[in-house]
PDB file of N, CA and C in Angstrom:
ATOM      1  N   LEU A   1       0.851  -1.172   0.061  1.00  0.00           N
ATOM      2  CA  LEU A   1       0.043   0.016   0.138  1.00  0.00           C
ATOM      3  C   LEU A   1       0.839   1.142   0.050  1.00  0.00           C
ATOM      4  N   SER A   2       0.382   2.229  -0.487  1.00  0.00           N
ATOM      5  CA  SER A   2       1.005   3.627  -0.446  1.00  0.00           C
ATOM      6  C   SER A   2       0.206   4.726  -0.062  1.00  0.00           C
ATOM      7  N   ALA A   3       0.784   5.704   0.525  1.00  0.00           N
ATOM      8  CA  ALA A   3      -0.090   6.927   0.879  1.00  0.00           C
ATOM      9  C   ALA A   3       0.865   8.273   0.686  1.00  0.00           C
ATOM     10  N   SER A   4       0.202   9.301   0.337  1.00  0.00           N
ATOM     11  CA  SER A   4       0.970  10.518   0.005  1.00  0.00           C
ATOM     12  C   SER A   4       0.631  11.611   1.067  1.00  0.00           C
ATOM     13  N   ALA A   5       1.704  12.222   1.558  1.00  0.00           N
ATOM     14  CA  ALA A   5       1.297  13.286   2.637  1.00  0.00           C
ATOM     15  C   ALA A   5       2.219  14.451   2.258  1.00  0.00           C
ATOM     16  N   GLY A   6       1.719  15.670   2.579  1.00  0.00           N
ATOM     17  CA  GLY A   6       2.445  16.935   2.472  1.00  0.00           C
ATOM     18  C   GLY A   6       2.950  17.183   3.779  1.00  0.00           C
ATOM     19  N   SER A   7       3.592  18.466   3.822  1.00  0.00           N
ATOM     20  CA  SER A   7       4.062  18.907   5.090  1.00  0.00           C
ATOM     21  C   SER A   7       4.036  20.536   5.022  1.00  0.00           C
ATOM     22  N   PRO A   8       3.474  21.236   6.152  1.00  0.00           N
ATOM     23  CA  PRO A   8       3.452  22.608   6.142  1.00  0.00           C
ATOM     24  C   PRO A   8       4.929  23.244   6.119  1.00  0.00           C
ATOM     25  N   ALA A   9       5.893  22.507   6.603  1.00  0.00           N
ATOM     26  CA  ALA A   9       7.292  22.914   6.652  1.00  0.00           C
ATOM     27  C   ALA A   9       7.889  22.891   5.160  1.00  0.00           C
ATOM     28  N   PHE A  10       7.283  21.954   4.417  1.00  0.00           N
ATOM     29  CA  PHE A  10       7.785  21.757   3.017  1.00  0.00           C
ATOM     30  C   PHE A  10       6.580  21.782   1.954  1.00  0.00           C
ATOM     31  N   PRO A  11       5.964  22.877   1.722  1.00  0.00           N
ATOM     32  CA  PRO A  11       4.785  23.058   1.019  1.00  0.00           C
ATOM     33  C   PRO A  11       4.976  22.595  -0.419  1.00  0.00           C
ATOM     34  N   ASP A  12       6.086  22.525  -0.969  1.00  0.00           N
ATOM     35  CA  ASP A  12       6.333  22.128  -2.389  1.00  0.00           C
ATOM     36  C   ASP A  12       6.674  20.564  -2.490  1.00  0.00           C
ATOM     37  N   LEU A  13       6.624  19.912  -1.419  1.00  0.00           N
ATOM     38  CA  LEU A  13       7.078  18.569  -1.322  1.00  0.00           C
ATOM     39  C   LEU A  13       5.902  17.751  -1.048  1.00  0.00           C
ATOM     40  N   HIS A  14       5.801  16.477  -1.663  1.00  0.00           N
ATOM     41  CA  HIS A  14       4.879  15.391  -1.180  1.00  0.00           C
ATOM     42  C   HIS A  14       5.763  14.072  -0.761  1.00  0.00           C
ATOM     43  N   PHE A  15       5.334  13.696   0.246  1.00  0.00           N
ATOM     44  CA  PHE A  15       6.124  12.500   0.749  1.00  0.00           C
ATOM     45  C   PHE A  15       5.174  11.026   0.478  1.00  0.00           C
ATOM     46  N   VAL A  16       5.758  10.011   0.017  1.00  0.00           N
ATOM     47  CA  VAL A  16       5.157   8.817  -0.237  1.00  0.00           C
ATOM     48  C   VAL A  16       5.629   7.669   0.678  1.00  0.00           C
ATOM     49  N   THR A  17       4.663   6.989   1.296  1.00  0.00           N
ATOM     50  CA  THR A  17       5.089   6.018   2.063  1.00  0.00           C
ATOM     51  C   THR A  17       4.537   4.637   1.548  1.00  0.00           C
ATOM     52  N   VAL A  18       5.488   3.532   1.410  1.00  0.00           N
ATOM     53  CA  VAL A  18       4.925   2.288   0.986  1.00  0.00           C
ATOM     54  C   VAL A  18       5.050   1.289   2.168  1.00  0.00           C
ATOM     55  N   THR A  19       4.005   0.643   2.420  1.00  0.00           N
ATOM     56  CA  THR A  19       4.169  -0.333   3.498  1.00  0.00           C
ATOM     57  C   THR A  19       3.421  -1.664   3.049  1.00  0.00           C
ATOM     58  N   ALA A  20       3.594  -2.606   3.720  1.00  0.00           N
ATOM     59  CA  ALA A  20       2.731  -3.778   3.645  1.00  0.00           C
ATOM     60  C   ALA A  20       1.430  -3.670   4.034  1.00  0.00           C
ATOM     61  N   ARG A  21       0.466  -4.550   3.240  1.00  0.00           N
ATOM     62  CA  ARG A  21      -0.894  -4.328   3.653  1.00  0.00           C
ATOM     63  C   ARG A  21      -1.243  -4.613   4.919  1.00  0.00           C
ATOM     64  N   GLY A  22      -2.142  -3.795   5.618  1.00  0.00           N
ATOM     65  CA  GLY A  22      -2.467  -3.846   7.055  1.00  0.00           C
ATOM     66  C   GLY A  22      -1.518  -3.184   8.065  1.00  0.00           C
ATOM     67  N   VAL A  23      -0.336  -2.470   7.457  1.00  0.00           N
ATOM     68  CA  VAL A  23       0.422  -1.950   8.294  1.00  0.00           C
ATOM     69  C   VAL A  23       0.249  -0.315   8.101  1.00  0.00           C
ATOM     70  N   ASP A  24      -0.083   0.379   9.134  1.00  0.00           N
ATOM     71  CA  ASP A  24      -0.279   1.811   9.143  1.00  0.00           C
ATOM     72  C   ASP A  24       0.049   2.360  10.453  1.00  0.00           C
ATOM     73  N   LYS A  25      -0.143   3.595  10.545  1.00  0.00           N
ATOM     74  CA  LYS A  25       0.208   4.148  11.977  1.00  0.00           C
ATOM     75  C   LYS A  25      -0.643   3.774  12.920  1.00  0.00           C
ATOM     76  N   GLY A  26      -1.854   3.355  12.617  1.00  0.00           N
ATOM     77  CA  GLY A  26      -2.860   2.853  13.678  1.00  0.00           C
ATOM     78  C   GLY A  26      -2.316   1.410  14.104  1.00  0.00           C
ATOM     79  N   SER A  27      -1.870   0.650  13.261  1.00  0.00           N
ATOM     80  CA  SER A  27      -1.040  -0.719  13.755  1.00  0.00           C
ATOM     81  C   SER A  27       0.086  -0.451  14.367  1.00  0.00           C
ATOM     82  N   ALA A  28       0.982   0.579  13.956  1.00  0.00           N
ATOM     83  CA  ALA A  28       2.101   0.861  14.672  1.00  0.00           C
ATOM     84  C   ALA A  28       1.862   1.412  16.141  1.00  0.00           C
ATOM     85  N   VAL A  29       0.915   2.236  16.472  1.00  0.00           N
ATOM     86  CA  VAL A  29       0.574   2.862  17.518  1.00  0.00           C
ATOM     87  C   VAL A  29       0.100   1.844  18.622  1.00  0.00           C
ATOM     88  N   ALA A  30      -0.753   0.766  17.979  1.00  0.00           N
ATOM     89  CA  ALA A  30      -1.266  -0.244  18.797  1.00  0.00           C
ATOM     90  C   ALA A  30      -0.135  -1.227  19.246  1.00  0.00           C
ATOM     91  N   ARG A  31       0.814  -1.434  18.283  1.00  0.00           N
ATOM     92  CA  ARG A  31       2.028  -2.435  18.816  1.00  0.00           C
ATOM     93  C   ARG A  31       2.859  -1.661  19.766  1.00  0.00           C
ATOM     94  N   ALA A  32       3.008  -0.374  19.522  1.00  0.00           N
ATOM     95  CA  ALA A  32       3.990   0.441  20.540  1.00  0.00           C
ATOM     96  C   ALA A  32       3.276   0.351  21.935  1.00  0.00           C
ATOM     97  N   ALA A  33       2.037   0.649  21.934  1.00  0.00           N
ATOM     98  CA  ALA A  33       1.258   0.772  23.303  1.00  0.00           C
ATOM     99  C   ALA A  33       1.394  -0.562  23.975  1.00  0.00           C
ATOM    100  N   ALA A  34       1.095  -1.678  23.130  1.00  0.00           N
ATOM    101  CA  ALA A  34       1.018  -3.048  23.818  1.00  0.00           C
ATOM    102  C   ALA A  34       2.415  -3.403  24.243  1.00  0.00           C
ATOM    103  N   ALA A  35       3.469  -3.026  23.570  1.00  0.00           N
ATOM    104  CA  ALA A  35       4.879  -3.482  24.052  1.00  0.00           C
ATOM    105  C   ALA A  35       5.109  -2.445  25.157  1.00  0.00           C
ATOM    106  N   LEU A  36       4.607  -1.376  25.507  1.00  0.00           N
ATOM    107  CA  LEU A  36       4.966  -0.619  26.706  1.00  0.00           C
ATOM    108  C   LEU A  36       3.916  -0.758  27.653  1.00  0.00           C
ATOM    109  N   GLY A  37       2.930  -1.528  27.579  1.00  0.00           N
ATOM    110  CA  GLY A  37       1.928  -1.852  28.529  1.00  0.00           C
ATOM    111  C   GLY A  37       0.884  -0.800  28.728  1.00  0.00           C
ATOM    112  N   PHE A  38       0.601   0.057  27.575  1.00  0.00           N
ATOM    113  CA  PHE A  38      -0.434   1.089  27.732  1.00  0.00           C
ATOM    114  C   PHE A  38      -1.683   0.646  27.019  1.00  0.00           C
ATOM    115  N   ASP A  39      -2.782   1.118  27.677  1.00  0.00           N
ATOM    116  CA  ASP A  39      -4.110   0.746  27.078  1.00  0.00           C
ATOM    117  C   ASP A  39      -4.152   2.023  26.058  1.00  0.00           C
ATOM    118  N   LEU A  40      -4.670   1.522  24.740  1.00  0.00           N
ATOM    119  CA  LEU A  40      -4.877   2.733  23.714  1.00  0.00           C
ATOM    120  C   LEU A  40      -5.849   3.739  24.150  1.00  0.00           C
ATOM    121  N   ALA A  41      -6.805   3.392  25.000  1.00  0.00           N
ATOM    122  CA  ALA A  41      -7.787   4.298  25.306  1.00  0.00           C
ATOM    123  C   ALA A  41      -7.092   5.512  26.189  1.00  0.00           C
ATOM    124  N   ASP A  42      -5.931   5.247  26.822  1.00  0.00           N
ATOM    125  CA  ASP A  42      -5.126   6.277  27.573  1.00  0.00           C
ATOM    126  C   ASP A  42      -4.000   6.887  26.738  1.00  0.00           C
ATOM    127  N   CYS A  43      -3.913   6.620  25.566  1.00  0.00           N
ATOM    128  CA  CYS A  43      -2.971   7.145  24.586  1.00  0.00           C
ATOM    129  C   CYS A  43      -3.320   8.278  23.843  1.00  0.00           C
ATOM    130  N   ALA A  44      -2.584   9.153  23.506  1.00  0.00           N
ATOM    131  CA  ALA A  44      -2.853  10.506  22.689  1.00  0.00           C
ATOM    132  C   ALA A  44      -1.918  10.367  21.393  1.00  0.00           C
ATOM    133  N   ALA A  45      -2.402  11.019  20.253  1.00  0.00           N
ATOM    134  CA  ALA A  45      -1.842  11.198  19.130  1.00  0.00           C
ATOM    135  C   ALA A  45      -2.224  12.528  18.445  1.00  0.00           C
ATOM    136  N   VAL A  46      -1.286  13.007  17.748  1.00  0.00           N
ATOM    137  CA  VAL A  46      -1.469  14.350  17.052  1.00  0.00           C
ATOM    138  C   VAL A  46      -1.177  13.982  15.476  1.00  0.00           C
ATOM    139  N   GLY A  47      -2.106  14.469  14.596  1.00  0.00           N
ATOM    140  CA  GLY A  47      -1.930  14.226  13.083  1.00  0.00           C
ATOM    141  C   GLY A  47      -2.272  15.508  12.327  1.00  0.00           C
ATOM    142  N   ASP A  48      -2.085  15.572  11.233  1.00  0.00           N
ATOM    143  CA  ASP A  48      -2.509  16.498  10.266  1.00  0.00           C
ATOM    144  C   ASP A  48      -2.659  16.254   8.797  1.00  0.00           C
ATOM    145  N   SER A  49      -2.618  14.803   8.518  1.00  0.00           N
ATOM    146  CA  SER A  49      -2.687  14.368   7.313  1.00  0.00           C
ATOM    147  C   SER A  49      -3.608  13.106   7.191  1.00  0.00           C
ATOM    148  N   HIS A  50      -4.169  12.734   6.121  1.00  0.00           N
ATOM    149  CA  HIS A  50      -4.982  11.581   5.842  1.00  0.00           C
ATOM    150  C   HIS A  50      -4.369  10.350   6.385  1.00  0.00           C
ATOM    151  N   ASN A  51      -3.053  10.075   6.274  1.00  0.00           N
ATOM    152  CA  ASN A  51      -2.311   8.977   6.736  1.00  0.00           C
ATOM    153  C   ASN A  51      -2.308   8.723   8.167  1.00  0.00           C
ATOM    154  N   ASP A  52      -2.673   9.758   8.969  1.00  0.00           N
ATOM    155  CA  ASP A  52      -2.782   9.861  10.276  1.00  0.00           C
ATOM    156  C   ASP A  52      -4.103   9.186  10.681  1.00  0.00           C
ATOM    157  N   LEU A  53      -5.175   9.142   9.918  1.00  0.00           N
ATOM    158  CA  LEU A  53      -6.503   8.625  10.405  1.00  0.00           C
ATOM    159  C   LEU A  53      -6.403   7.379  10.993  1.00  0.00           C
ATOM    160  N   PRO A  54      -5.896   6.360  10.671  1.00  0.00           N
ATOM    161  CA  PRO A  54      -5.864   5.102  11.454  1.00  0.00           C
ATOM    162  C   PRO A  54      -5.299   5.352  12.900  1.00  0.00           C
ATOM    163  N   MET A  55      -4.215   6.082  12.993  1.00  0.00           N
ATOM    164  CA  MET A  55      -3.743   6.331  14.384  1.00  0.00           C
ATOM    165  C   MET A  55      -4.741   7.155  15.153  1.00  0.00           C
ATOM    166  N   LEU A  56      -5.103   8.146  14.642  1.00  0.00           N
ATOM    167  CA  LEU A  56      -6.111   8.990  15.400  1.00  0.00           C
ATOM    168  C   LEU A  56      -7.324   8.099  15.702  1.00  0.00           C
ATOM    169  N   ALA A  57      -7.888   7.376  15.061  1.00  0.00           N
ATOM    170  CA  ALA A  57      -8.992   6.245  15.341  1.00  0.00           C
ATOM    171  C   ALA A  57      -8.508   5.311  16.359  1.00  0.00           C
ATOM    172  N   ALA A  58      -7.373   5.004  16.457  1.00  0.00           N
ATOM    173  CA  ALA A  58      -6.909   3.924  17.457  1.00  0.00           C
ATOM    174  C   ALA A  58      -6.653   4.378  18.872  1.00  0.00           C
ATOM    175  N   VAL A  59      -6.519   5.685  19.209  1.00  0.00           N
ATOM    176  CA  VAL A  59      -6.201   6.207  20.424  1.00  0.00           C
ATOM    177  C   VAL A  59      -7.320   6.901  21.080  1.00  0.00           C
ATOM    178  N   GLY A  60      -7.251   7.034  22.342  1.00  0.00           N
ATOM    179  CA  GLY A  60      -8.379   7.486  23.164  1.00  0.00           C
ATOM    180  C   GLY A  60      -8.338   9.025  23.280  1.00  0.00           C
ATOM    181  N   HIS A  61      -7.267   9.614  22.836  1.00  0.00           N
ATOM    182  CA  HIS A  61      -7.245  11.144  22.866  1.00  0.00           C
ATOM    183  C   HIS A  61      -6.557  11.612  21.520  1.00  0.00           C
ATOM    184  N   PRO A  62      -7.261  11.577  20.523  1.00  0.00           N
ATOM    185  CA  PRO A  62      -6.701  12.098  19.175  1.00  0.00           C
ATOM    186  C   PRO A  62      -6.842  13.519  19.128  1.00  0.00           C
ATOM    187  N   PHE A  63      -5.869  14.149  18.377  1.00  0.00           N
ATOM    188  CA  PHE A  63      -5.905  15.651  18.198  1.00  0.00           C
ATOM    189  C   PHE A  63      -5.428  15.887  16.730  1.00  0.00           C
ATOM    190  N   VAL A  64      -5.606  16.909  16.217  1.00  0.00           N
ATOM    191  CA  VAL A  64      -5.268  17.464  14.808  1.00  0.00           C
ATOM    192  C   VAL A  64      -4.599  18.865  14.962  1.00  0.00           C
ATOM    193  N   MET A  65      -3.539  19.076  14.416  1.00  0.00           N
ATOM    194  CA  MET A  65      -3.141  20.426  14.291  1.00  0.00           C
ATOM    195  C   MET A  65      -3.907  21.494  13.515  1.00  0.00           C
ATOM    196  N   GLY A  66      -3.992  22.644  13.777  1.00  0.00           N
ATOM    197  CA  GLY A  66      -4.713  23.764  13.292  1.00  0.00           C
ATOM    198  C   GLY A  66      -4.357  23.808  11.821  1.00  0.00           C
ATOM    199  N   ASN A  67      -3.423  23.572  11.300  1.00  0.00           N
ATOM    200  CA  ASN A  67      -3.245  23.451   9.869  1.00  0.00           C
ATOM    201  C   ASN A  67      -3.500  22.140   9.187  1.00  0.00           C
ATOM    202  N   ALA A  68      -4.314  21.177  10.004  1.00  0.00           N
ATOM    203  CA  ALA A  68      -4.380  19.848   9.281  1.00  0.00           C
ATOM    204  C   ALA A  68      -5.330  19.967   7.947  1.00  0.00           C
ATOM    205  N   GLU A  69      -5.452  18.892   7.304  1.00  0.00           N
ATOM    206  CA  GLU A  69      -6.405  18.769   6.186  1.00  0.00           C
ATOM    207  C   GLU A  69      -7.829  19.020   6.740  1.00  0.00           C
ATOM    208  N   PRO A  70      -8.569  19.668   6.039  1.00  0.00           N
ATOM    209  CA  PRO A  70      -9.972  20.105   6.278  1.00  0.00           C
ATOM    210  C   PRO A  70     -10.843  18.625   6.885  1.00  0.00           C
ATOM    211  N   GLU A  71     -10.787  17.600   6.139  1.00  0.00           N
ATOM    212  CA  GLU A  71     -11.466  16.412   6.802  1.00  0.00           C
ATOM    213  C   GLU A  71     -11.137  16.118   8.185  1.00  0.00           C
ATOM    214  N   LEU A  72      -9.815  16.162   8.532  1.00  0.00           N
ATOM    215  CA  LEU A  72      -9.318  15.911  10.016  1.00  0.00           C
ATOM    216  C   LEU A  72      -9.985  17.001  10.931  1.00  0.00           C
ATOM    217  N   LEU A  73      -9.963  18.170  10.515  1.00  0.00           N
ATOM    218  CA  LEU A  73     -10.315  19.303  11.369  1.00  0.00           C
ATOM    219  C   LEU A  73     -11.841  18.987  11.593  1.00  0.00           C
ATOM    220  N   SER A  74     -12.576  18.411  10.924  1.00  0.00           N
ATOM    221  CA  SER A  74     -13.952  18.239  11.110  1.00  0.00           C
ATOM    222  C   SER A  74     -14.062  16.960  11.902  1.00  0.00           C
ATOM    223  N   LEU A  75     -13.252  16.117  12.116  1.00  0.00           N
ATOM    224  CA  LEU A  75     -13.406  14.851  12.912  1.00  0.00           C
ATOM    225  C   LEU A  75     -13.018  14.956  14.308  1.00  0.00           C
ATOM    226  N   TYR A  76     -11.875  15.706  14.664  1.00  0.00           N
ATOM    227  CA  TYR A  76     -11.150  15.590  15.848  1.00  0.00           C
ATOM    228  C   TYR A  76     -10.881  16.871  16.395  1.00  0.00           C
ATOM    229  N   PRO A  77     -10.598  16.989  17.765  1.00  0.00           N
ATOM    230  CA  PRO A  77     -10.340  18.379  18.432  1.00  0.00           C
ATOM    231  C   PRO A  77      -9.132  18.896  17.880  1.00  0.00           C
ATOM    232  N   ARG A  78      -9.085  20.355  17.668  1.00  0.00           N
ATOM    233  CA  ARG A  78      -8.181  21.003  16.981  1.00  0.00           C
ATOM    234  C   ARG A  78      -7.176  21.754  17.969  1.00  0.00           C
ATOM    235  N   LEU A  79      -5.889  21.738  17.614  1.00  0.00           N
ATOM    236  CA  LEU A  79      -4.744  22.287  18.385  1.00  0.00           C
ATOM    237  C   LEU A  79      -4.329  23.528  17.672  1.00  0.00           C
ATOM    238  N   PRO A  80      -3.529  24.280  18.204  1.00  0.00           N
ATOM    239  CA  PRO A  80      -2.976  25.294  17.557  1.00  0.00           C
ATOM    240  C   PRO A  80      -1.956  24.844  16.380  1.00  0.00           C
ATOM    241  N   GLY A  81      -1.662  25.492  15.434  1.00  0.00           N
ATOM    242  CA  GLY A  81      -0.701  25.133  14.190  1.00  0.00           C
ATOM    243  C   GLY A  81       0.473  24.738  14.675  1.00  0.00           C
ATOM    244  N   VAL A  82       1.363  24.205  13.725  1.00  0.00           N
ATOM    245  CA  VAL A  82       2.611  23.838  13.898  1.00  0.00           C
ATOM    246  C   VAL A  82       3.654  25.006  14.565  1.00  0.00           C
ATOM    247  N   THR A  83       3.391  26.094  13.881  1.00  0.00           N
ATOM    248  CA  THR A  83       4.362  27.193  14.465  1.00  0.00           C
ATOM    249  C   THR A  83       3.836  27.844  15.641  1.00  0.00           C
ATOM    250  N   GLU A  84       2.572  27.377  16.138  1.00  0.00           N
ATOM    251  CA  GLU A  84       2.179  27.970  17.441  1.00  0.00           C
ATOM    252  C   GLU A  84       2.289  26.894  18.419  1.00  0.00           C
ATOM    253  N   HIS A  85       3.105  25.716  18.206  1.00  0.00           N
ATOM    254  CA  HIS A  85       3.517  24.677  19.091  1.00  0.00           C
ATOM    255  C   HIS A  85       2.178  23.983  19.570  1.00  0.00           C
ATOM    256  N   GLY A  86       1.569  23.505  18.561  1.00  0.00           N
ATOM    257  CA  GLY A  86       0.350  22.749  19.036  1.00  0.00           C
ATOM    258  C   GLY A  86       0.421  21.486  19.680  1.00  0.00           C
ATOM    259  N   VAL A  87       1.503  20.797  19.436  1.00  0.00           N
ATOM    260  CA  VAL A  87       1.841  19.586  20.192  1.00  0.00           C
ATOM    261  C   VAL A  87       1.917  19.914  21.805  1.00  0.00           C
ATOM    262  N   LEU A  88       2.399  20.985  22.124  1.00  0.00           N
ATOM    263  CA  LEU A  88       2.529  21.387  23.561  1.00  0.00           C
ATOM    264  C   LEU A  88       1.035  21.436  24.239  1.00  0.00           C
ATOM    265  N   ALA A  89       0.146  21.992  23.393  1.00  0.00           N
ATOM    266  CA  ALA A  89      -1.224  22.188  23.839  1.00  0.00           C
ATOM    267  C   ALA A  89      -1.929  20.661  24.034  1.00  0.00           C
ATOM    268  N   ALA A  90      -1.403  19.808  23.113  1.00  0.00           N
ATOM    269  CA  ALA A  90      -1.960  18.414  23.246  1.00  0.00           C
ATOM    270  C   ALA A  90      -1.389  17.735  24.528  1.00  0.00           C
ATOM    271  N   LEU A  91      -0.134  18.102  24.900  1.00  0.00           N
ATOM    272  CA  LEU A  91       0.420  17.414  26.106  1.00  0.00           C
ATOM    273  C   LEU A  91      -0.186  18.067  27.345  1.00  0.00           C
ATOM    274  N   ASP A  92      -0.656  19.287  27.260  1.00  0.00           N
ATOM    275  CA  ASP A  92      -1.337  19.895  28.506  1.00  0.00           C
ATOM    276  C   ASP A  92      -2.779  19.338  28.492  1.00  0.00           C
ATOM    277  N   ALA A  93      -3.577  18.989  27.325  1.00  0.00           N
ATOM    278  CA  ALA A  93      -4.912  18.513  27.373  1.00  0.00           C
ATOM    279  C   ALA A  93      -4.887  16.884  27.794  1.00  0.00           C
ATOM    280  N   SER A  94      -3.838  16.245  27.508  1.00  0.00           N
ATOM    281  CA  SER A  94      -4.003  14.884  27.843  1.00  0.00           C
ATOM    282  C   SER A  94      -3.845  14.361  29.132  1.00  0.00           C
TER     283      SER A  94
END
């Protein structure tokens, strides 16, 4: 499978990820949580692109950056943008 993503830091670039079927950010966060002994309901994640959707759906505390793709902004709580240090706000909220 492949996925394309952009980055606010590099607006003229697109990144392509190629992974095995069934492997995505959601399966990765589930595996990491299990290895560390965390319940996914207690985990937080921050995303900004469509390839973050499986990860955001997997955790109990999903957030999106203020500059995220419109679809994500309509689905999850919004943080300040990248340049406003939105991840710090997620840490405070979690």
